Structures are given as structure tokens and as C-alpha cells.
Amino acid sequence: MKSFWRTFAPCGAVTGVLAVLILAEPDLGTALMLAVIFGVLVYTAGARLLHLGLVALPAFIGVISMLVFVPFRMRRMVTFLDPWADAQGSGFQVVQSLIAIGSGGPNGLGFAQGKQKMLFLPFAHSDFIFAVIGEELGLLGTLGVVVVFGLILWRGIRTSLLAPDRFGRFLALGLVTGIVAQALFNISVVLALVPTKGITLPFISAGGSSLVPTLAAVGILLNISQHATGSVNLGVLKALTANSKEPGKLRVARAGRMAPRVG
């Protein structure tokens, strides 16, 4: 990935075409998710920060332009900055989400005892299911969800580190990045940390179109994990660095006791 025209530019062109098609829907949030996955993968593959900067700067300008000059996105931005200014109008969904989170407290109101899902909170079964969890299970329940996604991230990175070849390594990293980044984006929307966008919470939100590809991604991760060898230690990290320019299989340095195959 050190060469801009031979490696970075073709990868960026393919990602750019897919992002433009998604933007044409229009769906800015999913296009940004794709950009995050692209950035993580090319940086891990050894792309130079200069090359990333050359792409990130015009992309950032383009995103700002789409936020400022597209009316419905601009209204979302204004609502995001102060949802309580129009609590019965454009800010209704965000306000009801915050009320649900706040009503739960540390322990929640009890399973299935939430009130906001009773036609107060729009899309309580899909995009804003995290708010329902916060209301019914409280802070402990929401932290439990975050911990689960943290475990998925750890296992995905471990699978990537121990993958038998470079393709498996980057495939595992891209899949786990997509799952965890989507979860973080959804949670941020529910907590009013970013503008409202219709991105589901993986494994939890209702909807087969979200669940099926997510389960397929987990299945691929499990398959890569079955063929993983070695142990996550300094030897593995050194091997990753030493072989970052070689297209062959990853050679794991034998440092200490090696773990058996992960089944």
C-alpha cells in the first residue's frame, strides 16, 4: 500500500464508486460507514498517512457540502444541535429517546415495563431499540450491550491477528469493523451524540435485511477463526509488521508457548 497509483488509488476508486451509488439513494450514513471500513483496512495494510489525507480532505469537504446544501440534512443538523427547541416536531424522536434513557436510571423499570415504546418513541423496535433497553434494563443493561460488542471487537481482532494469510486477516478486520462501527453509530444516535440516521443496532434491531448479512459476517469470522494458529503475543505482532509487505502467508514467531488451534 506504499504506492499511491498501483494500490491505494484502485482501492479508493472501487470504494468511491460504491459510496456514490449509496449516496444516490440518498444514504449518507451508510456511505460514511463504508468510508470508515475503507480507512481502517488501508491504514492497517500500510497506507501512508499522506495518501489518506489526500483522500480525506476532499471527502470531508464533500460531506460538509451535502450537510449544508441539502435541506433535509440541514434541518437534521439544526435539530441535533438543539432538539428541545422543537420537542413536538423535528426533535420529537430524539427527545423521546433521551426521556427513555433517563427514565431507566441505573436498574431500569423492569423487562417489558417500558412506556416509551407505547407509540411515544418512533421506531422503538428497530433504530431506537437501544433506548428501550436503557428504559427497561437501565444503565446496567446498556453497559451489558456495550460490553458484548466490545467482546465481539476483541474476538474479531484476535481472529484477524491469527488468520493464516493476509486475505483472511484483512477480511476478518473489515467484517468486525463494520459490525462494531455500526453499533457505535446507532448507540450514538440514540444518545443524541450524532445527528439522527436510520442505522440499525446489529443482532438486536428488528429486520431481516440487517440480521441476515450480520449473521453471515459472523459465520465468515468463525470460519477464519477455525483456521487460526498461534497465540496473540509479541511474536505475532512482530510477524505482522515484518510480513506487511509480503503477500504470502503470515508467519507467526514462536515466542513462548503456542496455543492449539482455535475451534
Protein backbone atom coordinates (compact mmCIF):
# COMPACT_ATOMS: atom_id res chain seq x y z
CA MET A 1 0.00 0.00 0.00
CA LYS A 2 3.02 2.29 -0.17
CA SER A 3 2.38 3.10 -3.84
CA PHE A 4 -0.44 5.57 -4.42
CA TRP A 5 -1.28 4.75 -8.06
CA ARG A 6 -0.68 0.99 -8.01
CA THR A 7 -2.53 0.07 -4.80
CA PHE A 8 -4.17 2.95 -2.93
CA ALA A 9 -5.84 4.63 -5.91
CA PRO A 10 -7.55 1.46 -7.29
CA CYS A 11 -8.88 0.55 -3.83
CA GLY A 12 -10.09 4.10 -3.31
CA ALA A 13 -11.74 4.16 -6.74
CA VAL A 14 -13.76 1.00 -6.06
CA THR A 15 -14.82 2.30 -2.65
CA GLY A 16 -15.68 5.68 -4.17
CA VAL A 17 -17.96 4.13 -6.80
CA LEU A 18 -19.83 2.14 -4.15
CA ALA A 19 -20.10 5.22 -1.91
CA VAL A 20 -21.51 7.32 -4.77
CA LEU A 21 -24.15 4.69 -5.51
CA ILE A 22 -25.14 4.63 -1.84
CA LEU A 23 -25.25 8.43 -1.72
CA ALA A 24 -27.59 8.43 -4.70
CA GLU A 25 -30.25 6.58 -2.66
CA PRO A 26 -29.68 9.00 -0.70
CA ASP A 27 -27.97 7.39 2.31
CA LEU A 28 -25.10 9.42 3.72
CA GLY A 29 -24.80 7.39 6.93
CA THR A 30 -24.11 4.06 5.19
CA ALA A 31 -21.65 5.76 2.84
CA LEU A 32 -19.76 7.08 5.87
CA MET A 33 -19.75 3.57 7.37
CA LEU A 34 -18.17 2.29 4.16
CA ALA A 35 -15.56 5.05 4.34
CA VAL A 36 -14.69 4.07 7.93
CA ILE A 37 -14.15 0.43 6.92
CA PHE A 38 -12.01 1.54 3.97
CA GLY A 39 -9.90 3.80 6.16
CA VAL A 40 -9.28 1.11 8.78
CA LEU A 41 -8.32 -1.50 6.20
CA VAL A 42 -5.96 0.59 4.09
CA TYR A 43 -4.27 2.05 7.17
CA THR A 44 -3.76 -1.43 8.60
CA ALA A 45 -2.43 -2.59 5.22
CA GLY A 46 0.30 0.03 5.45
CA ALA A 47 -1.08 3.03 3.56
CA ARG A 48 0.74 6.30 4.14
CA LEU A 49 -0.96 8.99 6.18
CA LEU A 50 -0.25 11.42 3.35
CA HIS A 51 -2.29 9.31 0.96
CA LEU A 52 -5.13 9.05 3.46
CA GLY A 53 -5.01 12.81 3.95
CA LEU A 54 -5.20 13.44 0.21
CA VAL A 55 -8.44 11.45 0.09
CA ALA A 56 -9.87 12.53 3.45
CA LEU A 57 -9.69 16.27 2.77
CA PRO A 58 -11.91 16.38 -0.36
CA ALA A 59 -14.18 13.73 1.18
CA PHE A 60 -14.62 15.89 4.29
CA ILE A 61 -15.42 18.93 2.15
CA GLY A 62 -17.95 16.86 0.19
CA VAL A 63 -19.68 15.63 3.36
CA ILE A 64 -19.92 19.17 4.75
CA SER A 65 -21.38 20.34 1.44
CA MET A 66 -24.02 17.60 1.50
CA LEU A 67 -24.94 18.59 5.05
CA VAL A 68 -25.16 22.31 4.39
CA PHE A 69 -26.70 22.46 0.91
CA VAL A 70 -29.23 19.61 1.20
CA PRO A 71 -32.29 21.00 3.04
CA PHE A 72 -33.44 17.89 4.93
CA ARG A 73 -29.90 17.17 6.17
CA MET A 74 -29.51 20.77 7.28
CA ARG A 75 -32.75 20.50 9.26
CA ARG A 76 -31.38 17.38 10.94
CA MET A 77 -28.23 19.25 11.89
CA VAL A 78 -30.23 22.09 13.42
CA THR A 79 -32.37 19.59 15.32
CA PHE A 80 -29.27 17.78 16.52
CA LEU A 81 -27.81 20.98 17.96
CA ASP A 82 -31.00 21.74 19.96
CA PRO A 83 -33.68 19.02 19.80
CA TRP A 84 -35.63 20.60 22.68
CA ALA A 85 -36.31 23.73 20.62
CA ASP A 86 -38.95 21.77 18.70
CA ALA A 87 -39.70 18.88 21.04
CA GLN A 88 -43.11 18.23 19.44
CA GLY A 89 -41.86 18.49 15.87
CA SER A 90 -38.49 17.75 14.30
CA GLY A 91 -36.86 16.98 17.65
CA PHE A 92 -39.62 14.63 18.85
CA GLN A 93 -37.78 11.35 18.18
CA VAL A 94 -34.52 12.44 19.83
CA VAL A 95 -36.32 13.92 22.83
CA GLN A 96 -38.37 10.76 23.39
CA SER A 97 -35.21 8.69 23.12
CA LEU A 98 -33.48 10.76 25.80
CA ILE A 99 -36.57 10.53 28.02
CA ALA A 100 -36.49 6.74 27.68
CA ILE A 101 -32.80 6.57 28.57
CA GLY A 102 -33.24 8.91 31.53
CA SER A 103 -36.33 7.12 32.84
CA GLY A 104 -34.46 3.83 33.17
CA GLY A 105 -31.96 5.04 35.76
CA PRO A 106 -29.31 2.57 36.94
CA ASN A 107 -31.55 -0.54 37.15
CA GLY A 108 -34.37 0.18 34.70
CA LEU A 109 -38.13 -0.07 35.04
CA GLY A 110 -38.12 -3.84 34.52
CA PHE A 111 -38.27 -6.09 31.49
CA ALA A 112 -41.26 -5.23 29.24
CA GLN A 113 -42.29 -2.44 31.63
CA GLY A 114 -41.15 0.45 29.45
CA LYS A 115 -43.63 3.16 28.47
CA GLN A 116 -41.86 4.96 25.63
CA LYS A 117 -42.36 2.09 23.20
CA MET A 118 -46.13 2.55 23.57
CA LEU A 119 -46.34 4.80 20.48
CA PHE A 120 -44.26 7.57 22.10
CA LEU A 121 -40.85 6.66 20.65
CA PRO A 122 -40.87 6.20 16.85
CA PHE A 123 -39.08 3.10 15.52
CA ALA A 124 -38.64 1.73 19.03
CA HIS A 125 -38.35 -1.80 17.64
CA SER A 126 -35.55 -1.03 15.18
CA ASP A 127 -33.38 2.09 15.05
CA PHE A 128 -34.07 3.13 18.65
CA ILE A 129 -34.18 -0.26 20.36
CA PHE A 130 -31.18 0.79 22.48
CA ALA A 131 -33.35 3.46 24.13
CA VAL A 132 -35.91 0.78 25.07
CA ILE A 133 -33.11 -1.31 26.57
CA GLY A 134 -31.99 1.70 28.60
CA GLU A 135 -35.51 2.33 29.88
CA GLU A 136 -36.31 -1.27 30.81
CA LEU A 137 -32.88 -2.57 31.89
CA GLY A 138 -31.26 0.69 32.92
CA LEU A 139 -27.60 1.62 32.88
CA LEU A 140 -26.59 -1.96 33.66
CA GLY A 141 -28.45 -3.26 30.62
CA THR A 142 -26.96 -0.71 28.25
CA LEU A 143 -23.46 -1.33 29.60
CA GLY A 144 -24.05 -5.03 29.05
CA VAL A 145 -24.81 -4.38 25.37
CA VAL A 146 -21.67 -2.26 25.03
CA VAL A 147 -19.58 -4.99 26.70
CA VAL A 148 -20.94 -7.60 24.28
CA PHE A 149 -19.90 -5.52 21.29
CA GLY A 150 -16.54 -4.97 22.96
CA LEU A 151 -16.13 -8.75 23.17
CA ILE A 152 -17.06 -9.07 19.50
CA LEU A 153 -14.42 -6.47 18.66
CA TRP A 154 -11.78 -8.30 20.72
CA ARG A 155 -12.57 -11.68 19.19
CA GLY A 156 -12.63 -10.19 15.70
CA ILE A 157 -9.25 -8.52 16.11
CA ARG A 158 -7.84 -11.71 17.62
CA THR A 159 -9.13 -13.68 14.65
CA SER A 160 -7.55 -11.14 12.31
CA LEU A 161 -4.19 -11.36 14.07
CA LEU A 162 -4.14 -15.15 13.96
CA ALA A 163 -5.51 -15.57 10.43
CA PRO A 164 -3.42 -17.97 8.30
CA ASP A 165 -2.95 -15.48 5.43
CA ARG A 166 -3.25 -11.79 4.57
CA PHE A 167 -6.62 -12.17 2.85
CA GLY A 168 -8.17 -13.74 5.94
CA ARG A 169 -6.53 -11.14 8.15
CA PHE A 170 -7.99 -8.16 6.32
CA LEU A 171 -11.34 -9.87 5.70
CA ALA A 172 -11.78 -10.51 9.42
CA LEU A 173 -10.74 -6.96 10.29
CA GLY A 174 -13.16 -5.45 7.76
CA LEU A 175 -16.10 -7.55 8.96
CA VAL A 176 -15.62 -6.81 12.66
CA THR A 177 -15.05 -3.13 11.90
CA GLY A 178 -18.36 -2.97 10.04
CA ILE A 179 -20.29 -4.63 12.87
CA VAL A 180 -18.80 -2.61 15.72
CA ALA A 181 -18.80 0.72 13.86
CA GLN A 182 -22.48 0.24 13.03
CA ALA A 183 -23.26 -0.50 16.67
CA LEU A 184 -21.36 2.57 17.89
CA PHE A 185 -23.10 4.77 15.33
CA ASN A 186 -26.54 3.50 16.36
CA ILE A 187 -25.82 3.99 20.07
CA SER A 188 -24.50 7.50 19.37
CA VAL A 189 -27.72 8.40 17.53
CA VAL A 190 -29.88 7.15 20.41
CA LEU A 191 -27.83 9.19 22.90
CA ALA A 192 -28.03 12.30 20.65
CA LEU A 193 -24.25 12.33 20.16
CA VAL A 194 -24.61 12.46 16.36
CA PRO A 195 -27.49 13.56 14.09
CA THR A 196 -30.35 11.11 13.65
CA LYS A 197 -29.76 8.45 10.99
CA GLY A 198 -31.55 5.20 10.25
CA ILE A 199 -28.82 2.67 11.07
CA THR A 200 -29.85 -0.43 12.99
CA LEU A 201 -28.23 -1.98 16.06
CA PRO A 202 -26.65 -5.30 14.91
CA PHE A 203 -28.26 -8.52 16.25
CA ILE A 204 -30.88 -6.58 18.27
CA SER A 205 -32.91 -4.32 15.96
CA ALA A 206 -35.88 -5.91 14.21
CA GLY A 207 -35.47 -6.54 10.49
CA GLY A 208 -34.17 -9.45 8.45
CA SER A 209 -32.32 -7.26 5.93
CA SER A 210 -29.99 -6.22 8.76
CA LEU A 211 -29.80 -9.50 10.65
CA VAL A 212 -29.04 -11.83 7.72
CA PRO A 213 -25.85 -10.11 6.45
CA THR A 214 -24.66 -9.58 10.03
CA LEU A 215 -25.03 -13.28 10.80
CA ALA A 216 -23.28 -14.09 7.52
CA ALA A 217 -20.37 -11.86 8.59
CA VAL A 218 -20.16 -13.67 11.93
CA GLY A 219 -20.18 -17.02 10.12
CA ILE A 220 -17.22 -15.93 7.99
CA LEU A 221 -15.39 -14.74 11.11
CA LEU A 222 -15.95 -18.13 12.76
CA ASN A 223 -14.64 -19.90 9.66
CA ILE A 224 -11.47 -17.78 9.68
CA SER A 225 -11.10 -18.42 13.41
CA GLN A 226 -11.22 -22.19 12.80
CA HIS A 227 -8.11 -21.95 10.66
CA ALA A 228 -6.26 -19.58 13.00
CA THR A 229 -2.98 -20.71 14.52
CA GLY A 230 -0.57 -19.35 17.12
CA SER A 231 -1.15 -17.10 20.11
CA VAL A 232 -1.59 -13.37 20.44
CA ASN A 233 1.73 -12.22 21.82
CA LEU A 234 4.65 -10.05 20.90
CA GLY A 235 5.77 -12.62 18.39
CA VAL A 236 2.52 -12.30 16.43
CA LEU A 237 2.74 -8.51 16.39
CA LYS A 238 6.32 -8.66 15.16
CA ALA A 239 5.34 -11.14 12.47
CA LEU A 240 2.55 -8.86 11.28
CA THR A 241 4.95 -5.95 10.99
CA ALA A 242 7.66 -7.97 9.30
CA ASN A 243 5.30 -9.51 6.71
CA SER A 244 3.17 -6.42 5.98
CA LYS A 245 4.80 -6.08 2.54
CA GLU A 246 4.68 -9.75 1.63
CA PRO A 247 1.58 -11.30 0.00
CA GLY A 248 2.31 -14.76 1.37
CA LYS A 249 1.04 -16.46 4.46
CA LEU A 250 1.57 -14.97 7.88
CA ARG A 251 4.49 -16.49 9.73
CA VAL A 252 3.93 -16.46 13.46
CA ALA A 253 7.08 -16.06 15.51
CA ARG A 254 7.39 -18.76 18.13
CA ALA A 255 7.63 -16.70 21.28
CA GLY A 256 6.70 -18.70 24.34
CA ARG A 257 4.14 -21.42 24.46
CA MET A 258 1.94 -21.69 21.41
CA ALA A 259 -1.79 -22.20 21.76
CA PRO A 260 -3.59 -25.06 19.94
CA ARG A 261 -5.90 -24.50 17.03
CA VAL A 262 -8.93 -22.37 17.74
CA GLY A 263 -12.02 -24.43 17.06
